């Protein structure tokens, strides 16, 4: 079953620098294990894998952002302000994580893009 982690209409900052993600979405992302950054692997609708680094501010409130790898995705997909991205979580059928003899299912992530105004693009 696929569960929506978050959806967001892209802003200029999201396109030019980093994708700011809603803080409430952290519960559905892989744990940071006491650190301030983690790798998030996602697949697009064509099955291509993308590696993003999700990081938190070191000071103040925990505002998560996707930085490393995000701009490569933006450029490759030709994203523009107003386009919408959605990240989903689903159980992987392949492997789980074994802890003290108990196998926990791992999560896989996918990303979808919805173009706001395809007609105006060149």
PDB file of N, CA and C in Angstrom:
ATOM      1  N   UNK A   1       0.838  -1.180   0.000  1.00  0.00           N
ATOM      2  CA  UNK A   1       0.000   0.000   0.000  1.00  0.00           C
ATOM      3  C   UNK A   1       0.887   1.249   0.000  1.00  0.00           C
ATOM      4  N   UNK A   2       0.521   2.215  -0.782  1.00  0.00           N
ATOM      5  CA  UNK A   2       1.277   3.455  -0.948  1.00  0.00           C
ATOM      6  C   UNK A   2       0.688   4.529  -0.038  1.00  0.00           C
ATOM      7  N   UNK A   3       1.568   5.221   0.718  1.00  0.00           N
ATOM      8  CA  UNK A   3       1.134   6.267   1.650  1.00  0.00           C
ATOM      9  C   UNK A   3       1.840   7.565   1.277  1.00  0.00           C
ATOM     10  N   UNK A   4       1.068   8.633   1.151  1.00  0.00           N
ATOM     11  CA  UNK A   4       1.648   9.924   0.805  1.00  0.00           C
ATOM     12  C   UNK A   4       2.427  10.475   2.001  1.00  0.00           C
ATOM     13  N   UNK A   5       3.700  10.796   1.763  1.00  0.00           N
ATOM     14  CA  UNK A   5       4.534  11.410   2.801  1.00  0.00           C
ATOM     15  C   UNK A   5       4.272  12.912   2.805  1.00  0.00           C
ATOM     16  N   UNK A   6       4.337  13.539   1.622  1.00  0.00           N
ATOM     17  CA  UNK A   6       3.987  14.951   1.487  1.00  0.00           C
ATOM     18  C   UNK A   6       3.831  15.310   0.019  1.00  0.00           C
ATOM     19  N   UNK A   7       3.113  16.394  -0.222  1.00  0.00           N
ATOM     20  CA  UNK A   7       2.972  17.009  -1.543  1.00  0.00           C
ATOM     21  C   UNK A   7       3.293  18.477  -1.378  1.00  0.00           C
ATOM     22  N   UNK A   8       3.881  19.049  -2.412  1.00  0.00           N
ATOM     23  CA  UNK A   8       4.220  20.457  -2.318  1.00  0.00           C
ATOM     24  C   UNK A   8       4.269  21.099  -3.697  1.00  0.00           C
ATOM     25  N   UNK A   9       3.668  22.271  -3.813  1.00  0.00           N
ATOM     26  CA  UNK A   9       3.828  23.093  -5.014  1.00  0.00           C
ATOM     27  C   UNK A   9       5.152  23.816  -4.863  1.00  0.00           C
ATOM     28  N   UNK A  10       5.959  23.757  -5.885  1.00  0.00           N
ATOM     29  CA  UNK A  10       7.326  24.270  -5.802  1.00  0.00           C
ATOM     30  C   UNK A  10       7.397  25.787  -5.867  1.00  0.00           C
ATOM     31  N   UNK A  11       8.248  26.351  -5.004  1.00  0.00           N
ATOM     32  CA  UNK A  11       8.511  27.787  -4.981  1.00  0.00           C
ATOM     33  C   UNK A  11       9.829  28.055  -5.713  1.00  0.00           C
ATOM     34  N   UNK A  12      10.164  29.329  -5.835  1.00  0.00           N
ATOM     35  CA  UNK A  12      11.440  29.692  -6.469  1.00  0.00           C
ATOM     36  C   UNK A  12      12.618  29.094  -5.703  1.00  0.00           C
ATOM     37  N   UNK A  13      12.592  29.164  -4.378  1.00  0.00           N
ATOM     38  CA  UNK A  13      13.678  28.601  -3.565  1.00  0.00           C
ATOM     39  C   UNK A  13      13.763  27.091  -3.744  1.00  0.00           C
ATOM     40  N   UNK A  14      12.608  26.418  -3.820  1.00  0.00           N
ATOM     41  CA  UNK A  14      12.598  24.967  -4.048  1.00  0.00           C
ATOM     42  C   UNK A  14      13.280  24.603  -5.362  1.00  0.00           C
ATOM     43  N   UNK A  15      13.106  25.427  -6.365  1.00  0.00           N
ATOM     44  CA  UNK A  15      13.689  25.171  -7.688  1.00  0.00           C
ATOM     45  C   UNK A  15      15.172  25.548  -7.709  1.00  0.00           C
ATOM     46  N   UNK A  16      15.501  26.684  -7.142  1.00  0.00           N
ATOM     47  CA  UNK A  16      16.863  27.220  -7.261  1.00  0.00           C
ATOM     48  C   UNK A  16      17.854  26.646  -6.251  1.00  0.00           C
ATOM     49  N   UNK A  17      17.386  26.235  -5.073  1.00  0.00           N
ATOM     50  CA  UNK A  17      18.334  25.848  -4.023  1.00  0.00           C
ATOM     51  C   UNK A  17      18.046  24.495  -3.389  1.00  0.00           C
ATOM     52  N   UNK A  18      16.915  24.376  -2.705  1.00  0.00           N
ATOM     53  CA  UNK A  18      16.606  23.177  -1.928  1.00  0.00           C
ATOM     54  C   UNK A  18      15.096  23.068  -1.770  1.00  0.00           C
ATOM     55  N   UNK A  19      14.645  21.848  -1.538  1.00  0.00           N
ATOM     56  CA  UNK A  19      13.222  21.617  -1.323  1.00  0.00           C
ATOM     57  C   UNK A  19      12.939  21.592   0.173  1.00  0.00           C
ATOM     58  N   UNK A  20      12.157  22.541   0.616  1.00  0.00           N
ATOM     59  CA  UNK A  20      11.746  22.597   2.014  1.00  0.00           C
ATOM     60  C   UNK A  20      10.556  21.646   2.186  1.00  0.00           C
ATOM     61  N   UNK A  21      10.657  20.759   3.177  1.00  0.00           N
ATOM     62  CA  UNK A  21       9.590  19.769   3.386  1.00  0.00           C
ATOM     63  C   UNK A  21       8.852  20.074   4.685  1.00  0.00           C
ATOM     64  N   UNK A  22       7.546  19.771   4.708  1.00  0.00           N
ATOM     65  CA  UNK A  22       6.780  19.997   5.940  1.00  0.00           C
ATOM     66  C   UNK A  22       7.362  19.183   7.105  1.00  0.00           C
ATOM     67  N   UNK A  23       7.540  19.814   8.239  1.00  0.00           N
ATOM     68  CA  UNK A  23       8.129  19.171   9.419  1.00  0.00           C
ATOM     69  C   UNK A  23       7.341  17.937   9.837  1.00  0.00           C
ATOM     70  N   UNK A  24       6.022  17.970   9.699  1.00  0.00           N
ATOM     71  CA  UNK A  24       5.198  16.831  10.112  1.00  0.00           C
ATOM     72  C   UNK A  24       5.491  15.578   9.283  1.00  0.00           C
ATOM     73  N   UNK A  25       6.147  15.717   8.147  1.00  0.00           N
ATOM     74  CA  UNK A  25       6.478  14.580   7.293  1.00  0.00           C
ATOM     75  C   UNK A  25       7.664  13.780   7.811  1.00  0.00           C
ATOM     76  N   UNK A  26       8.416  14.323   8.753  1.00  0.00           N
ATOM     77  CA  UNK A  26       9.589  13.632   9.288  1.00  0.00           C
ATOM     78  C   UNK A  26       9.256  12.259   9.853  1.00  0.00           C
ATOM     79  N   UNK A  27       8.071  12.098  10.408  1.00  0.00           N
ATOM     80  CA  UNK A  27       7.681  10.821  11.006  1.00  0.00           C
ATOM     81  C   UNK A  27       7.617   9.701   9.976  1.00  0.00           C
ATOM     82  N   UNK A  28       7.396  10.036   8.706  1.00  0.00           N
ATOM     83  CA  UNK A  28       7.284   9.027   7.654  1.00  0.00           C
ATOM     84  C   UNK A  28       8.569   8.840   6.857  1.00  0.00           C
ATOM     85  N   UNK A  29       9.611   9.571   7.229  1.00  0.00           N
ATOM     86  CA  UNK A  29      10.902   9.430   6.550  1.00  0.00           C
ATOM     87  C   UNK A  29      11.827   8.570   7.401  1.00  0.00           C
ATOM     88  N   UNK A  30      12.866   7.982   6.790  1.00  0.00           N
ATOM     89  CA  UNK A  30      13.780   7.163   7.586  1.00  0.00           C
ATOM     90  C   UNK A  30      14.401   7.995   8.697  1.00  0.00           C
ATOM     91  N   UNK A  31      14.651   7.380   9.840  1.00  0.00           N
ATOM     92  CA  UNK A  31      15.164   8.094  11.005  1.00  0.00           C
ATOM     93  C   UNK A  31      16.525   8.708  10.795  1.00  0.00           C
ATOM     94  N   UNK A  32      16.759   9.798  11.492  1.00  0.00           N
ATOM     95  CA  UNK A  32      18.054  10.472  11.432  1.00  0.00           C
ATOM     96  C   UNK A  32      19.034   9.885  12.441  1.00  0.00           C
ATOM     97  N   UNK A  33      18.558   9.027  13.350  1.00  0.00           N
ATOM     98  CA  UNK A  33      19.402   8.345  14.319  1.00  0.00           C
ATOM     99  C   UNK A  33      20.348   9.292  15.048  1.00  0.00           C
ATOM    100  N   UNK A  34      19.808  10.406  15.531  1.00  0.00           N
ATOM    101  CA  UNK A  34      20.597  11.334  16.323  1.00  0.00           C
ATOM    102  C   UNK A  34      21.429  12.311  15.511  1.00  0.00           C
ATOM    103  N   UNK A  35      21.463  12.169  14.219  1.00  0.00           N
ATOM    104  CA  UNK A  35      22.234  13.083  13.381  1.00  0.00           C
ATOM    105  C   UNK A  35      21.345  14.177  12.822  1.00  0.00           C
ATOM    106  N   UNK A  36      21.890  14.926  11.878  1.00  0.00           N
ATOM    107  CA  UNK A  36      21.077  15.979  11.268  1.00  0.00           C
ATOM    108  C   UNK A  36      20.937  15.786   9.755  1.00  0.00           C
ATOM    109  N   UNK A  37      21.327  14.607   9.239  1.00  0.00           N
ATOM    110  CA  UNK A  37      21.176  14.341   7.809  1.00  0.00           C
ATOM    111  C   UNK A  37      20.981  12.851   7.572  1.00  0.00           C
ATOM    112  N   UNK A  38      20.266  12.526   6.497  1.00  0.00           N
ATOM    113  CA  UNK A  38      20.051  11.141   6.100  1.00  0.00           C
ATOM    114  C   UNK A  38      19.904  11.089   4.585  1.00  0.00           C
ATOM    115  N   UNK A  39      20.158   9.933   4.028  1.00  0.00           N
ATOM    116  CA  UNK A  39      19.975   9.740   2.594  1.00  0.00           C
ATOM    117  C   UNK A  39      18.561   9.238   2.353  1.00  0.00           C
ATOM    118  N   UNK A  40      17.908   9.807   1.365  1.00  0.00           N
ATOM    119  CA  UNK A  40      16.565   9.395   0.978  1.00  0.00           C
ATOM    120  C   UNK A  40      16.634   8.945  -0.477  1.00  0.00           C
ATOM    121  N   UNK A  41      16.408   7.659  -0.697  1.00  0.00           N
ATOM    122  CA  UNK A  41      16.427   7.100  -2.053  1.00  0.00           C
ATOM    123  C   UNK A  41      14.996   6.985  -2.534  1.00  0.00           C
ATOM    124  N   UNK A  42      14.736   7.559  -3.713  1.00  0.00           N
ATOM    125  CA  UNK A  42      13.395   7.509  -4.293  1.00  0.00           C
ATOM    126  C   UNK A  42      13.485   7.057  -5.741  1.00  0.00           C
ATOM    127  N   UNK A  43      12.366   6.562  -6.269  1.00  0.00           N
ATOM    128  CA  UNK A  43      12.285   6.194  -7.681  1.00  0.00           C
ATOM    129  C   UNK A  43      11.203   7.029  -8.329  1.00  0.00           C
ATOM    130  N   UNK A  44      11.469   7.457  -9.570  1.00  0.00           N
ATOM    131  CA  UNK A  44      10.457   8.196 -10.311  1.00  0.00           C
ATOM    132  C   UNK A  44       9.578   7.218 -11.083  1.00  0.00           C
ATOM    133  N   UNK A  45       8.610   7.743 -11.834  1.00  0.00           N
ATOM    134  CA  UNK A  45       7.656   6.871 -12.535  1.00  0.00           C
ATOM    135  C   UNK A  45       8.313   6.023 -13.622  1.00  0.00           C
ATOM    136  N   UNK A  46       9.510   6.413 -14.060  1.00  0.00           N
ATOM    137  CA  UNK A  46      10.235   5.643 -15.069  1.00  0.00           C
ATOM    138  C   UNK A  46      11.147   4.591 -14.447  1.00  0.00           C
ATOM    139  N   UNK A  47      11.162   4.521 -13.107  1.00  0.00           N
ATOM    140  CA  UNK A  47      11.991   3.545 -12.417  1.00  0.00           C
ATOM    141  C   UNK A  47      13.411   4.010 -12.152  1.00  0.00           C
ATOM    142  N   UNK A  48      13.722   5.271 -12.489  1.00  0.00           N
ATOM    143  CA  UNK A  48      15.057   5.798 -12.233  1.00  0.00           C
ATOM    144  C   UNK A  48      15.199   6.136 -10.753  1.00  0.00           C
ATOM    145  N   UNK A  49      16.318   5.742 -10.165  1.00  0.00           N
ATOM    146  CA  UNK A  49      16.586   6.028  -8.758  1.00  0.00           C
ATOM    147  C   UNK A  49      17.247   7.389  -8.599  1.00  0.00           C
ATOM    148  N   UNK A  50      16.846   8.086  -7.556  1.00  0.00           N
ATOM    149  CA  UNK A  50      17.408   9.388  -7.213  1.00  0.00           C
ATOM    150  C   UNK A  50      17.810   9.344  -5.748  1.00  0.00           C
ATOM    151  N   UNK A  51      18.973   9.871  -5.434  1.00  0.00           N
ATOM    152  CA  UNK A  51      19.453   9.944  -4.051  1.00  0.00           C
ATOM    153  C   UNK A  51      19.469  11.395  -3.597  1.00  0.00           C
ATOM    154  N   UNK A  52      18.670  11.684  -2.594  1.00  0.00           N
ATOM    155  CA  UNK A  52      18.629  13.016  -2.010  1.00  0.00           C
ATOM    156  C   UNK A  52      19.190  12.929  -0.595  1.00  0.00           C
ATOM    157  N   UNK A  53      19.730  14.025  -0.108  1.00  0.00           N
ATOM    158  CA  UNK A  53      20.110  14.101   1.297  1.00  0.00           C
ATOM    159  C   UNK A  53      19.108  15.025   1.975  1.00  0.00           C
ATOM    160  N   UNK A  54      18.439  14.476   2.981  1.00  0.00           N
ATOM    161  CA  UNK A  54      17.496  15.240   3.781  1.00  0.00           C
ATOM    162  C   UNK A  54      18.249  15.679   5.032  1.00  0.00           C
ATOM    163  N   UNK A  55      18.249  16.971   5.297  1.00  0.00           N
ATOM    164  CA  UNK A  55      18.963  17.457   6.475  1.00  0.00           C
ATOM    165  C   UNK A  55      18.065  18.390   7.282  1.00  0.00           C
ATOM    166  N   UNK A  56      18.461  18.535   8.549  1.00  0.00           N
ATOM    167  CA  UNK A  56      17.751  19.419   9.474  1.00  0.00           C
ATOM    168  C   UNK A  56      18.671  20.557   9.871  1.00  0.00           C
ATOM    169  N   UNK A  57      18.075  21.686  10.184  1.00  0.00           N
ATOM    170  CA  UNK A  57      18.869  22.786  10.719  1.00  0.00           C
ATOM    171  C   UNK A  57      19.535  22.335  12.013  1.00  0.00           C
ATOM    172  N   UNK A  58      20.746  22.781  12.232  1.00  0.00           N
ATOM    173  CA  UNK A  58      21.464  22.415  13.454  1.00  0.00           C
ATOM    174  C   UNK A  58      20.992  23.238  14.649  1.00  0.00           C
ATOM    175  N   UNK A  59      20.465  24.412  14.386  1.00  0.00           N
ATOM    176  CA  UNK A  59      19.991  25.274  15.476  1.00  0.00           C
ATOM    177  C   UNK A  59      18.543  25.675  15.199  1.00  0.00           C
ATOM    178  N   UNK A  60      17.820  25.987  16.243  1.00  0.00           N
ATOM    179  CA  UNK A  60      16.430  26.393  16.084  1.00  0.00           C
ATOM    180  C   UNK A  60      15.525  25.181  15.926  1.00  0.00           C
ATOM    181  N   UNK A  61      14.407  25.369  15.246  1.00  0.00           N
ATOM    182  CA  UNK A  61      13.478  24.260  15.071  1.00  0.00           C
ATOM    183  C   UNK A  61      13.917  23.363  13.910  1.00  0.00           C
ATOM    184  N   UNK A  62      13.456  22.138  13.938  1.00  0.00           N
ATOM    185  CA  UNK A  62      13.867  21.129  12.948  1.00  0.00           C
ATOM    186  C   UNK A  62      13.101  21.312  11.645  1.00  0.00           C
ATOM    187  N   UNK A  63      13.648  22.083  10.728  1.00  0.00           N
ATOM    188  CA  UNK A  63      13.022  22.297   9.423  1.00  0.00           C
ATOM    189  C   UNK A  63      13.751  21.418   8.403  1.00  0.00           C
ATOM    190  N   UNK A  64      13.119  20.341   7.928  1.00  0.00           N
ATOM    191  CA  UNK A  64      13.806  19.450   6.989  1.00  0.00           C
ATOM    192  C   UNK A  64      13.838  20.015   5.566  1.00  0.00           C
ATOM    193  N   UNK A  65      14.951  19.771   4.881  1.00  0.00           N
ATOM    194  CA  UNK A  65      15.106  20.168   3.488  1.00  0.00           C
ATOM    195  C   UNK A  65      15.824  19.061   2.718  1.00  0.00           C
ATOM    196  N   UNK A  66      15.511  18.964   1.434  1.00  0.00           N
ATOM    197  CA  UNK A  66      16.269  18.098   0.534  1.00  0.00           C
ATOM    198  C   UNK A  66      17.268  18.980  -0.181  1.00  0.00           C
ATOM    199  N   UNK A  67      18.549  18.644  -0.066  1.00  0.00           N
ATOM    200  CA  UNK A  67      19.574  19.448  -0.712  1.00  0.00           C
ATOM    201  C   UNK A  67      20.341  18.628  -1.736  1.00  0.00           C
ATOM    202  N   UNK A  68      21.343  17.930  -1.294  1.00  0.00           N
ATOM    203  CA  UNK A  68      22.209  17.191  -2.210  1.00  0.00           C
ATOM    204  C   UNK A  68      21.374  16.241  -3.076  1.00  0.00           C
ATOM    205  N   UNK A  69      21.543  16.347  -4.366  1.00  0.00           N
ATOM    206  CA  UNK A  69      20.805  15.505  -5.302  1.00  0.00           C
ATOM    207  C   UNK A  69      19.513  16.124  -5.795  1.00  0.00           C
ATOM    208  N   UNK A  70      18.943  17.040  -5.013  1.00  0.00           N
ATOM    209  CA  UNK A  70      17.665  17.648  -5.377  1.00  0.00           C
ATOM    210  C   UNK A  70      17.767  18.476  -6.666  1.00  0.00           C
ATOM    211  N   UNK A  71      18.796  19.320  -6.775  1.00  0.00           N
ATOM    212  CA  UNK A  71      18.944  20.176  -7.965  1.00  0.00           C
ATOM    213  C   UNK A  71      19.142  19.336  -9.220  1.00  0.00           C
ATOM    214  N   UNK A  72      19.836  18.202  -9.124  1.00  0.00           N
ATOM    215  CA  UNK A  72      19.987  17.309 -10.280  1.00  0.00           C
ATOM    216  C   UNK A  72      18.616  16.838 -10.762  1.00  0.00           C
ATOM    217  N   UNK A  73      17.744  16.519  -9.825  1.00  0.00           N
ATOM    218  CA  UNK A  73      16.385  16.088 -10.158  1.00  0.00           C
ATOM    219  C   UNK A  73      15.610  17.225 -10.826  1.00  0.00           C
ATOM    220  N   UNK A  74      15.703  18.429 -10.256  1.00  0.00           N
ATOM    221  CA  UNK A  74      15.006  19.599 -10.801  1.00  0.00           C
ATOM    222  C   UNK A  74      15.410  19.848 -12.250  1.00  0.00           C
ATOM    223  N   UNK A  75      16.711  19.831 -12.507  1.00  0.00           N
ATOM    224  CA  UNK A  75      17.228  20.097 -13.856  1.00  0.00           C
ATOM    225  C   UNK A  75      16.814  18.982 -14.812  1.00  0.00           C
ATOM    226  N   UNK A  76      16.983  17.727 -14.397  1.00  0.00           N
ATOM    227  CA  UNK A  76      16.658  16.590 -15.266  1.00  0.00           C
ATOM    228  C   UNK A  76      15.176  16.556 -15.641  1.00  0.00           C
ATOM    229  N   UNK A  77      14.330  16.944 -14.722  1.00  0.00           N
ATOM    230  CA  UNK A  77      12.876  16.918 -14.962  1.00  0.00           C
ATOM    231  C   UNK A  77      12.346  18.231 -15.529  1.00  0.00           C
ATOM    232  N   UNK A  78      13.197  19.265 -15.566  1.00  0.00           N
ATOM    233  CA  UNK A  78      12.755  20.557 -16.088  1.00  0.00           C
ATOM    234  C   UNK A  78      11.650  21.170 -15.239  1.00  0.00           C
ATOM    235  N   UNK A  79      11.782  21.071 -13.927  1.00  0.00           N
ATOM    236  CA  UNK A  79      10.738  21.564 -13.038  1.00  0.00           C
ATOM    237  C   UNK A  79      10.697  23.086 -13.012  1.00  0.00           C
ATOM    238  N   UNK A  80       9.509  23.611 -12.753  1.00  0.00           N
ATOM    239  CA  UNK A  80       9.299  25.059 -12.714  1.00  0.00           C
ATOM    240  C   UNK A  80       8.467  25.414 -11.484  1.00  0.00           C
ATOM    241  N   UNK A  81       8.507  26.689 -11.124  1.00  0.00           N
ATOM    242  CA  UNK A  81       7.706  27.181 -10.008  1.00  0.00           C
ATOM    243  C   UNK A  81       6.241  26.825 -10.274  1.00  0.00           C
ATOM    244  N   UNK A  82       5.582  26.295  -9.255  1.00  0.00           N
ATOM    245  CA  UNK A  82       4.175  25.914  -9.372  1.00  0.00           C
ATOM    246  C   UNK A  82       3.969  24.434  -9.639  1.00  0.00           C
ATOM    247  N   UNK A  83       4.977  23.753 -10.191  1.00  0.00           N
ATOM    248  CA  UNK A  83       4.862  22.302 -10.364  1.00  0.00           C
ATOM    249  C   UNK A  83       4.719  21.685  -8.990  1.00  0.00           C
ATOM    250  N   UNK A  84       4.103  20.521  -8.938  1.00  0.00           N
ATOM    251  CA  UNK A  84       3.852  19.865  -7.661  1.00  0.00           C
ATOM    252  C   UNK A  84       4.619  18.545  -7.601  1.00  0.00           C
ATOM    253  N   UNK A  85       5.306  18.310  -6.486  1.00  0.00           N
ATOM    254  CA  UNK A  85       5.974  17.026  -6.267  1.00  0.00           C
ATOM    255  C   UNK A  85       5.288  16.333  -5.090  1.00  0.00           C
ATOM    256  N   UNK A  86       5.195  15.017  -5.204  1.00  0.00           N
ATOM    257  CA  UNK A  86       4.624  14.208  -4.135  1.00  0.00           C
ATOM    258  C   UNK A  86       5.562  13.044  -3.893  1.00  0.00           C
ATOM    259  N   UNK A  87       5.891  12.810  -2.633  1.00  0.00           N
ATOM    260  CA  UNK A  87       6.717  11.666  -2.260  1.00  0.00           C
ATOM    261  C   UNK A  87       5.824  10.689  -1.507  1.00  0.00           C
ATOM    262  N   UNK A  88       5.931   9.418  -1.908  1.00  0.00           N
ATOM    263  CA  UNK A  88       5.149   8.342  -1.314  1.00  0.00           C
ATOM    264  C   UNK A  88       6.062   7.339  -0.629  1.00  0.00           C
ATOM    265  N   UNK A  89       5.528   6.659   0.364  1.00  0.00           N
ATOM    266  CA  UNK A  89       6.213   5.586   1.066  1.00  0.00           C
ATOM    267  C   UNK A  89       5.399   4.310   0.860  1.00  0.00           C
ATOM    268  N   UNK A  90       6.098   3.208   0.643  1.00  0.00           N
ATOM    269  CA  UNK A  90       5.436   1.920   0.558  1.00  0.00           C
ATOM    270  C   UNK A  90       6.382   0.847   1.067  1.00  0.00           C
ATOM    271  N   UNK A  91       5.822  -0.283   1.474  1.00  0.00           N
ATOM    272  CA  UNK A  91       6.665  -1.379   1.938  1.00  0.00           C
ATOM    273  C   UNK A  91       7.382  -2.002   0.760  1.00  0.00           C
ATOM    274  N   UNK A  92       8.647  -2.340   0.958  1.00  0.00           N
ATOM    275  CA  UNK A  92       9.420  -3.050  -0.060  1.00  0.00           C
ATOM    276  C   UNK A  92       9.077  -4.530   0.039  1.00  0.00           C
ATOM    277  N   UNK A  93       8.998  -5.166  -1.088  1.00  0.00           N
ATOM    278  CA  UNK A  93       8.738  -6.603  -1.076  1.00  0.00           C
ATOM    279  C   UNK A  93      10.029  -7.401  -0.979  1.00  0.00           C
ATOM    280  N   UNK A  94      11.170  -6.743  -1.174  1.00  0.00           N
ATOM    281  CA  UNK A  94      12.447  -7.447  -1.262  1.00  0.00           C
ATOM    282  C   UNK A  94      13.012  -7.854   0.096  1.00  0.00           C
ATOM    283  N   UNK A  95      13.446  -6.913   0.878  1.00  0.00           N
ATOM    284  CA  UNK A  95      14.160  -7.208   2.116  1.00  0.00           C
ATOM    285  C   UNK A  95      13.567  -6.423   3.275  1.00  0.00           C
ATOM    286  N   UNK A  96      13.863  -6.893   4.456  1.00  0.00           N
ATOM    287  CA  UNK A  96      13.506  -6.166   5.659  1.00  0.00           C
ATOM    288  C   UNK A  96      14.761  -5.965   6.478  1.00  0.00           C
ATOM    289  N   UNK A  97      14.593  -5.352   7.613  1.00  0.00           N
ATOM    290  CA  UNK A  97      15.712  -5.139   8.522  1.00  0.00           C
ATOM    291  C   UNK A  97      15.524  -6.094   9.697  1.00  0.00           C
ATOM    292  N   UNK A  98      16.540  -6.895   9.972  1.00  0.00           N
ATOM    293  CA  UNK A  98      16.443  -7.866  11.049  1.00  0.00           C
ATOM    294  C   UNK A  98      17.106  -7.311  12.308  1.00  0.00           C
ATOM    295  N   UNK A  99      16.320  -7.225  13.383  1.00  0.00           N
ATOM    296  CA  UNK A  99      16.819  -6.740  14.664  1.00  0.00           C
ATOM    297  C   UNK A  99      16.425  -7.756  15.732  1.00  0.00           C
ATOM    298  N   UNK A 100      17.424  -8.363  16.369  1.00  0.00           N
ATOM    299  CA  UNK A 100      17.196  -9.363  17.404  1.00  0.00           C
ATOM    300  C   UNK A 100      16.222 -10.456  16.953  1.00  0.00           C
ATOM    301  N   UNK A 101      16.400 -10.908  15.718  1.00  0.00           N
ATOM    302  CA  UNK A 101      15.586 -12.006  15.201  1.00  0.00           C
ATOM    303  C   UNK A 101      14.236 -11.613  14.637  1.00  0.00           C
ATOM    304  N   UNK A 102      13.857 -10.356  14.779  1.00  0.00           N
ATOM    305  CA  UNK A 102      12.580  -9.888  14.237  1.00  0.00           C
ATOM    306  C   UNK A 102      12.850  -9.112  12.965  1.00  0.00           C
ATOM    307  N   UNK A 103      12.123  -9.454  11.880  1.00  0.00           N
ATOM    308  CA  UNK A 103      12.311  -8.768  10.609  1.00  0.00           C
ATOM    309  C   UNK A 103      11.270  -7.670  10.486  1.00  0.00           C
ATOM    310  N   UNK A 104      11.757  -6.447  10.364  1.00  0.00           N
ATOM    311  CA  UNK A 104      10.890  -5.292  10.152  1.00  0.00           C
ATOM    312  C   UNK A 104      10.906  -4.955   8.669  1.00  0.00           C
ATOM    313  N   UNK A 105       9.730  -4.723   8.073  1.00  0.00           N
ATOM    314  CA  UNK A 105       9.727  -4.388   6.649  1.00  0.00           C
ATOM    315  C   UNK A 105      10.418  -3.052   6.412  1.00  0.00           C
ATOM    316  N   UNK A 106      11.150  -2.956   5.305  1.00  0.00           N
ATOM    317  CA  UNK A 106      11.786  -1.679   4.980  1.00  0.00           C
ATOM    318  C   UNK A 106      10.818  -0.856   4.138  1.00  0.00           C
ATOM    319  N   UNK A 107      11.098   0.404   4.043  1.00  0.00           N
ATOM    320  CA  UNK A 107      10.246   1.292   3.260  1.00  0.00           C
ATOM    321  C   UNK A 107      10.951   1.691   1.971  1.00  0.00           C
ATOM    322  N   UNK A 108      10.182   1.790   0.924  1.00  0.00           N
ATOM    323  CA  UNK A 108      10.667   2.304  -0.347  1.00  0.00           C
ATOM    324  C   UNK A 108       9.928   3.619  -0.594  1.00  0.00           C
ATOM    325  N   UNK A 109      10.580   4.509  -1.301  1.00  0.00           N
ATOM    326  CA  UNK A 109       9.982   5.809  -1.566  1.00  0.00           C
ATOM    327  C   UNK A 109       9.922   6.056  -3.066  1.00  0.00           C
ATOM    328  N   UNK A 110       8.863   6.735  -3.487  1.00  0.00           N
ATOM    329  CA  UNK A 110       8.732   7.116  -4.891  1.00  0.00           C
ATOM    330  C   UNK A 110       8.373   8.593  -4.952  1.00  0.00           C
ATOM    331  N   UNK A 111       8.661   9.189  -6.103  1.00  0.00           N
ATOM    332  CA  UNK A 111       8.369  10.611  -6.294  1.00  0.00           C
ATOM    333  C   UNK A 111       7.587  10.785  -7.586  1.00  0.00           C
ATOM    334  N   UNK A 112       6.574  11.621  -7.544  1.00  0.00           N
ATOM    335  CA  UNK A 112       5.776  11.932  -8.723  1.00  0.00           C
ATOM    336  C   UNK A 112       5.756  13.442  -8.923  1.00  0.00           C
ATOM    337  N   UNK A 113       5.714  13.834 -10.176  1.00  0.00           N
ATOM    338  CA  UNK A 113       5.692  15.250 -10.538  1.00  0.00           C
ATOM    339  C   UNK A 113       4.406  15.545 -11.288  1.00  0.00           C
ATOM    340  N   UNK A 114       3.752  16.629 -10.916  1.00  0.00           N
ATOM    341  CA  UNK A 114       2.564  17.095 -11.622  1.00  0.00           C
ATOM    342  C   UNK A 114       2.879  18.482 -12.164  1.00  0.00           C
ATOM    343  N   UNK A 115       2.840  18.599 -13.463  1.00  0.00           N
ATOM    344  CA  UNK A 115       3.136  19.883 -14.111  1.00  0.00           C
ATOM    345  C   UNK A 115       1.906  20.777 -14.042  1.00  0.00           C
ATOM    346  N   UNK A 116       2.128  22.018 -13.625  1.00  0.00           N
ATOM    347  CA  UNK A 116       1.026  22.954 -13.495  1.00  0.00           C
ATOM    348  C   UNK A 116       0.573  23.457 -14.852  1.00  0.00           C
ATOM    349  N   UNK A 117       1.503  23.842 -15.689  1.00  0.00           N
ATOM    350  CA  UNK A 117       1.126  24.428 -16.968  1.00  0.00           C
ATOM    351  C   UNK A 117       2.025  23.906 -18.085  1.00  0.00           C
ATOM    352  N   UNK A 118       1.765  22.704 -18.508  1.00  0.00           N
ATOM    353  CA  UNK A 118       2.574  22.046 -19.547  1.00  0.00           C
ATOM    354  C   UNK A 118       2.533  22.820 -20.867  1.00  0.00           C
ATOM    355  N   UNK A 119       1.441  23.476 -21.185  1.00  0.00           N
ATOM    356  CA  UNK A 119       1.280  24.159 -22.477  1.00  0.00           C
ATOM    357  C   UNK A 119       2.252  25.322 -22.641  1.00  0.00           C
ATOM    358  N   UNK A 120       2.547  26.046 -21.559  1.00  0.00           N
ATOM    359  CA  UNK A 120       3.409  27.217 -21.659  1.00  0.00           C
ATOM    360  C   UNK A 120       4.891  26.866 -21.732  1.00  0.00           C
ATOM    361  N   UNK A 121       5.254  25.607 -21.549  1.00  0.00           N
ATOM    362  CA  UNK A 121       6.663  25.203 -21.587  1.00  0.00           C
ATOM    363  C   UNK A 121       7.145  25.092 -23.020  1.00  0.00           C
ATOM    364  N   UNK A 122       8.417  25.408 -23.198  1.00  0.00           N
ATOM    365  CA  UNK A 122       9.002  25.289 -24.528  1.00  0.00           C
ATOM    366  C   UNK A 122       9.789  24.009 -24.612  1.00  0.00           C
TER     367      UNK A 122
END
